Amino acid sequence: MIHVEAWAGTPLAPHRWLLARDTAPTPWGAVRRLTATAEWLADRLDDDPDDARPFPGATLRLWLEDRLGHENIVHRLASRARVPQAARVTGPGHVLYSLAAMPAAVCVCLPRPLATSVAPQPAVLGRWSV
């Protein structure tokens, strides 16, 4: 399983916000999820017809056509490597948008039985027992 995520953040603040998260069963499936997320993000960062500057939506649409870049992502994911910045663009207000993909970590922890982990315990409030 491969996790695909879209993040937004600013260079001046240490915070990042998760915009979208999805999973894919294969590396090519992850690229399809990345491109769908890039299209979704590009639609929201669309060009302003009154402004002559290139906008982030246009940059993401160029990345959508980069077939060799997509194959590189597939090879990296197939070798279980992380792709922390599959696509990256700076939008209005100096907000940095990035798309990432990473193989899911395999959990070696055994799950606890639900009945024992959520069993009600008597609480003591002051001198009364509930």
C-alpha atoms as a PDB file:
ATOM      1  CA  MET A   1       0.000   0.000   0.000  1.00  0.00           C
ATOM      2  CA  ILE A   2       1.252   3.486  -0.864  1.00  0.00           C
ATOM      3  CA  HIS A   3       0.162   6.732   0.795  1.00  0.00           C
ATOM      4  CA  VAL A   4      -0.376   9.797  -1.408  1.00  0.00           C
ATOM      5  CA  GLU A   5      -0.668  13.238   0.207  1.00  0.00           C
ATOM      6  CA  ALA A   6      -1.015  16.923  -0.680  1.00  0.00           C
ATOM      7  CA  TRP A   7       0.368  19.508   1.744  1.00  0.00           C
ATOM      8  CA  ALA A   8       0.348  23.295   2.019  1.00  0.00           C
ATOM      9  CA  GLY A   9       2.674  25.411   4.133  1.00  0.00           C
ATOM     10  CA  THR A  10       4.594  28.654   4.308  1.00  0.00           C
ATOM     11  CA  PRO A  11       8.359  29.104   4.565  1.00  0.00           C
ATOM     12  CA  LEU A  12       7.955  31.662   7.357  1.00  0.00           C
ATOM     13  CA  ALA A  13       5.861  29.454   9.646  1.00  0.00           C
ATOM     14  CA  PRO A  14       6.773  25.966  10.827  1.00  0.00           C
ATOM     15  CA  HIS A  15       3.251  24.700  10.138  1.00  0.00           C
ATOM     16  CA  ARG A  16       2.019  22.519   7.295  1.00  0.00           C
ATOM     17  CA  TRP A  17      -1.563  21.589   6.527  1.00  0.00           C
ATOM     18  CA  LEU A  18      -2.715  18.304   5.045  1.00  0.00           C
ATOM     19  CA  LEU A  19      -5.007  19.052   2.086  1.00  0.00           C
ATOM     20  CA  ALA A  20      -5.654  15.530   0.804  1.00  0.00           C
ATOM     21  CA  ARG A  21      -4.678  11.956   1.627  1.00  0.00           C
ATOM     22  CA  ASP A  22      -5.339   8.763  -0.296  1.00  0.00           C
ATOM     23  CA  THR A  23      -3.868   5.279  -0.698  1.00  0.00           C
ATOM     24  CA  ALA A  24      -3.009   3.194  -3.726  1.00  0.00           C
ATOM     25  CA  PRO A  25      -2.198  -0.509  -4.020  1.00  0.00           C
ATOM     26  CA  THR A  26       0.553  -0.128  -6.668  1.00  0.00           C
ATOM     27  CA  PRO A  27       3.158   2.464  -7.741  1.00  0.00           C
ATOM     28  CA  TRP A  28       1.218   3.219 -10.949  1.00  0.00           C
ATOM     29  CA  GLY A  29      -1.937   3.580  -8.879  1.00  0.00           C
ATOM     30  CA  ALA A  30      -0.069   6.081  -6.694  1.00  0.00           C
ATOM     31  CA  VAL A  31       0.913   8.104  -9.782  1.00  0.00           C
ATOM     32  CA  ARG A  32      -2.723   8.118 -10.904  1.00  0.00           C
ATOM     33  CA  ARG A  33      -3.732   9.394  -7.434  1.00  0.00           C
ATOM     34  CA  LEU A  34      -0.957  12.027  -7.549  1.00  0.00           C
ATOM     35  CA  THR A  35      -2.088  13.271 -10.945  1.00  0.00           C
ATOM     36  CA  ALA A  36      -5.735  13.377  -9.840  1.00  0.00           C
ATOM     37  CA  THR A  37      -4.695  15.382  -6.776  1.00  0.00           C
ATOM     38  CA  ALA A  38      -2.580  17.703  -8.941  1.00  0.00           C
ATOM     39  CA  GLU A  39      -5.559  18.310 -11.240  1.00  0.00           C
ATOM     40  CA  TRP A  40      -7.777  19.023  -8.221  1.00  0.00           C
ATOM     41  CA  LEU A  41      -5.223  21.454  -6.812  1.00  0.00           C
ATOM     42  CA  ALA A  42      -4.588  23.116 -10.187  1.00  0.00           C
ATOM     43  CA  ASP A  43      -8.322  23.766 -10.575  1.00  0.00           C
ATOM     44  CA  ARG A  44      -8.290  25.577  -7.238  1.00  0.00           C
ATOM     45  CA  LEU A  45      -5.180  27.593  -8.134  1.00  0.00           C
ATOM     46  CA  ASP A  46      -6.438  28.505 -11.596  1.00  0.00           C
ATOM     47  CA  ASP A  47      -5.033  31.379 -13.566  1.00  0.00           C
ATOM     48  CA  ASP A  48      -6.399  34.877 -13.203  1.00  0.00           C
ATOM     49  CA  PRO A  49      -7.238  36.041 -16.771  1.00  0.00           C
ATOM     50  CA  ASP A  50      -6.311  39.636 -15.867  1.00  0.00           C
ATOM     51  CA  ASP A  51      -2.789  38.743 -14.694  1.00  0.00           C
ATOM     52  CA  ALA A  52       0.109  37.965 -17.055  1.00  0.00           C
ATOM     53  CA  ARG A  53       2.186  35.998 -14.492  1.00  0.00           C
ATOM     54  CA  PRO A  54       2.364  32.202 -14.632  1.00  0.00           C
ATOM     55  CA  PHE A  55       0.159  30.751 -11.936  1.00  0.00           C
ATOM     56  CA  PRO A  56       0.635  27.576  -9.895  1.00  0.00           C
ATOM     57  CA  GLY A  57      -2.191  25.840 -11.740  1.00  0.00           C
ATOM     58  CA  ALA A  58      -0.249  26.154 -15.002  1.00  0.00           C
ATOM     59  CA  THR A  59       2.887  24.705 -13.396  1.00  0.00           C
ATOM     60  CA  LEU A  60       0.959  21.731 -12.042  1.00  0.00           C
ATOM     61  CA  ARG A  61      -0.619  21.135 -15.445  1.00  0.00           C
ATOM     62  CA  LEU A  62       2.869  20.985 -16.994  1.00  0.00           C
ATOM     63  CA  TRP A  63       3.852  18.400 -14.365  1.00  0.00           C
ATOM     64  CA  LEU A  64       0.778  16.362 -15.344  1.00  0.00           C
ATOM     65  CA  GLU A  65       2.303  15.891 -18.822  1.00  0.00           C
ATOM     66  CA  ASP A  66       5.764  14.812 -17.540  1.00  0.00           C
ATOM     67  CA  ARG A  67       5.618  11.084 -18.374  1.00  0.00           C
ATOM     68  CA  LEU A  68       9.342  10.481 -17.672  1.00  0.00           C
ATOM     69  CA  GLY A  69       8.934  12.097 -14.255  1.00  0.00           C
ATOM     70  CA  HIS A  70       5.967   9.838 -13.549  1.00  0.00           C
ATOM     71  CA  GLU A  71       7.992   6.754 -14.520  1.00  0.00           C
ATOM     72  CA  ASN A  72      10.759   7.906 -12.168  1.00  0.00           C
ATOM     73  CA  ILE A  73       8.221   8.126  -9.334  1.00  0.00           C
ATOM     74  CA  VAL A  74       7.000   4.596 -10.142  1.00  0.00           C
ATOM     75  CA  HIS A  75      10.552   3.213 -10.022  1.00  0.00           C
ATOM     76  CA  ARG A  76      11.280   4.944  -6.715  1.00  0.00           C
ATOM     77  CA  LEU A  77       8.050   3.698  -5.130  1.00  0.00           C
ATOM     78  CA  ALA A  78       8.639   0.171  -6.478  1.00  0.00           C
ATOM     79  CA  SER A  79      11.997   0.157  -4.667  1.00  0.00           C
ATOM     80  CA  ARG A  80      10.158   1.226  -1.459  1.00  0.00           C
ATOM     81  CA  ALA A  81      11.694   4.732  -1.513  1.00  0.00           C
ATOM     82  CA  ARG A  82       9.807   7.843  -0.393  1.00  0.00           C
ATOM     83  CA  VAL A  83       8.938  10.576  -2.888  1.00  0.00           C
ATOM     84  CA  PRO A  84       8.635  13.613  -0.574  1.00  0.00           C
ATOM     85  CA  GLN A  85       8.130  16.107  -3.394  1.00  0.00           C
ATOM     86  CA  ALA A  86       6.600  14.534  -6.468  1.00  0.00           C
ATOM     87  CA  ALA A  87       5.357  17.988  -7.460  1.00  0.00           C
ATOM     88  CA  ARG A  88       5.942  21.322  -5.747  1.00  0.00           C
ATOM     89  CA  VAL A  89       4.676  24.794  -6.539  1.00  0.00           C
ATOM     90  CA  THR A  90       4.468  28.151  -4.773  1.00  0.00           C
ATOM     91  CA  GLY A  91       1.037  29.733  -4.864  1.00  0.00           C
ATOM     92  CA  PRO A  92      -0.485  33.061  -3.873  1.00  0.00           C
ATOM     93  CA  GLY A  93       0.698  34.457  -0.555  1.00  0.00           C
ATOM     94  CA  HIS A  94       3.955  32.465  -0.835  1.00  0.00           C
ATOM     95  CA  VAL A  95       2.145  29.261   0.150  1.00  0.00           C
ATOM     96  CA  LEU A  96       4.099  26.179  -0.856  1.00  0.00           C
ATOM     97  CA  TYR A  97       2.001  23.276  -2.161  1.00  0.00           C
ATOM     98  CA  SER A  98       3.597  19.847  -2.429  1.00  0.00           C
ATOM     99  CA  LEU A  99       2.507  16.360  -3.429  1.00  0.00           C
ATOM    100  CA  ALA A 100       4.172  13.358  -1.814  1.00  0.00           C
ATOM    101  CA  ALA A 101       4.001   9.571  -1.966  1.00  0.00           C
ATOM    102  CA  MET A 102       5.471   6.973   0.352  1.00  0.00           C
ATOM    103  CA  PRO A 103       5.133   3.233   0.909  1.00  0.00           C
ATOM    104  CA  ALA A 104       3.075   2.387   3.964  1.00  0.00           C
ATOM    105  CA  ALA A 105       5.119   1.220   6.927  1.00  0.00           C
ATOM    106  CA  VAL A 106       4.513  -2.337   7.975  1.00  0.00           C
ATOM    107  CA  CYS A 107       3.305  -2.501  11.551  1.00  0.00           C
ATOM    108  CA  VAL A 108       4.873  -5.284  13.582  1.00  0.00           C
ATOM    109  CA  CYS A 109       2.742  -4.536  16.661  1.00  0.00           C
ATOM    110  CA  LEU A 110       0.076  -7.058  17.547  1.00  0.00           C
ATOM    111  CA  PRO A 111      -3.325  -5.410  18.013  1.00  0.00           C
ATOM    112  CA  ARG A 112      -4.842  -5.530  21.484  1.00  0.00           C
ATOM    113  CA  PRO A 113      -8.297  -7.095  21.795  1.00  0.00           C
ATOM    114  CA  LEU A 114     -10.935  -4.375  21.682  1.00  0.00           C
ATOM    115  CA  ALA A 115     -12.809  -5.740  24.710  1.00  0.00           C
ATOM    116  CA  THR A 116      -9.842  -5.280  27.056  1.00  0.00           C
ATOM    117  CA  SER A 117      -8.705  -1.921  25.713  1.00  0.00           C
ATOM    118  CA  VAL A 118     -12.073  -0.169  26.137  1.00  0.00           C
ATOM    119  CA  ALA A 119     -13.510  -2.052  29.104  1.00  0.00           C
ATOM    120  CA  PRO A 120     -15.090   0.395  31.548  1.00  0.00           C
ATOM    121  CA  GLN A 121     -13.070   0.989  34.673  1.00  0.00           C
ATOM    122  CA  PRO A 122     -14.609   2.294  37.892  1.00  0.00           C
ATOM    123  CA  ALA A 123     -13.624   5.911  38.434  1.00  0.00           C
ATOM    124  CA  VAL A 124     -13.121   7.402  41.848  1.00  0.00           C
ATOM    125  CA  LEU A 125     -14.262  10.999  42.176  1.00  0.00           C
ATOM    126  CA  GLY A 126     -13.431  12.383  45.591  1.00  0.00           C
ATOM    127  CA  ARG A 127     -14.808   9.880  48.101  1.00  0.00           C
ATOM    128  CA  TRP A 128     -17.584   8.566  45.846  1.00  0.00           C
ATOM    129  CA  SER A 129     -17.179   5.727  43.488  1.00  0.00           C
ATOM    130  CA  VAL A 130     -18.957   5.824  40.138  1.00  0.00           C
END
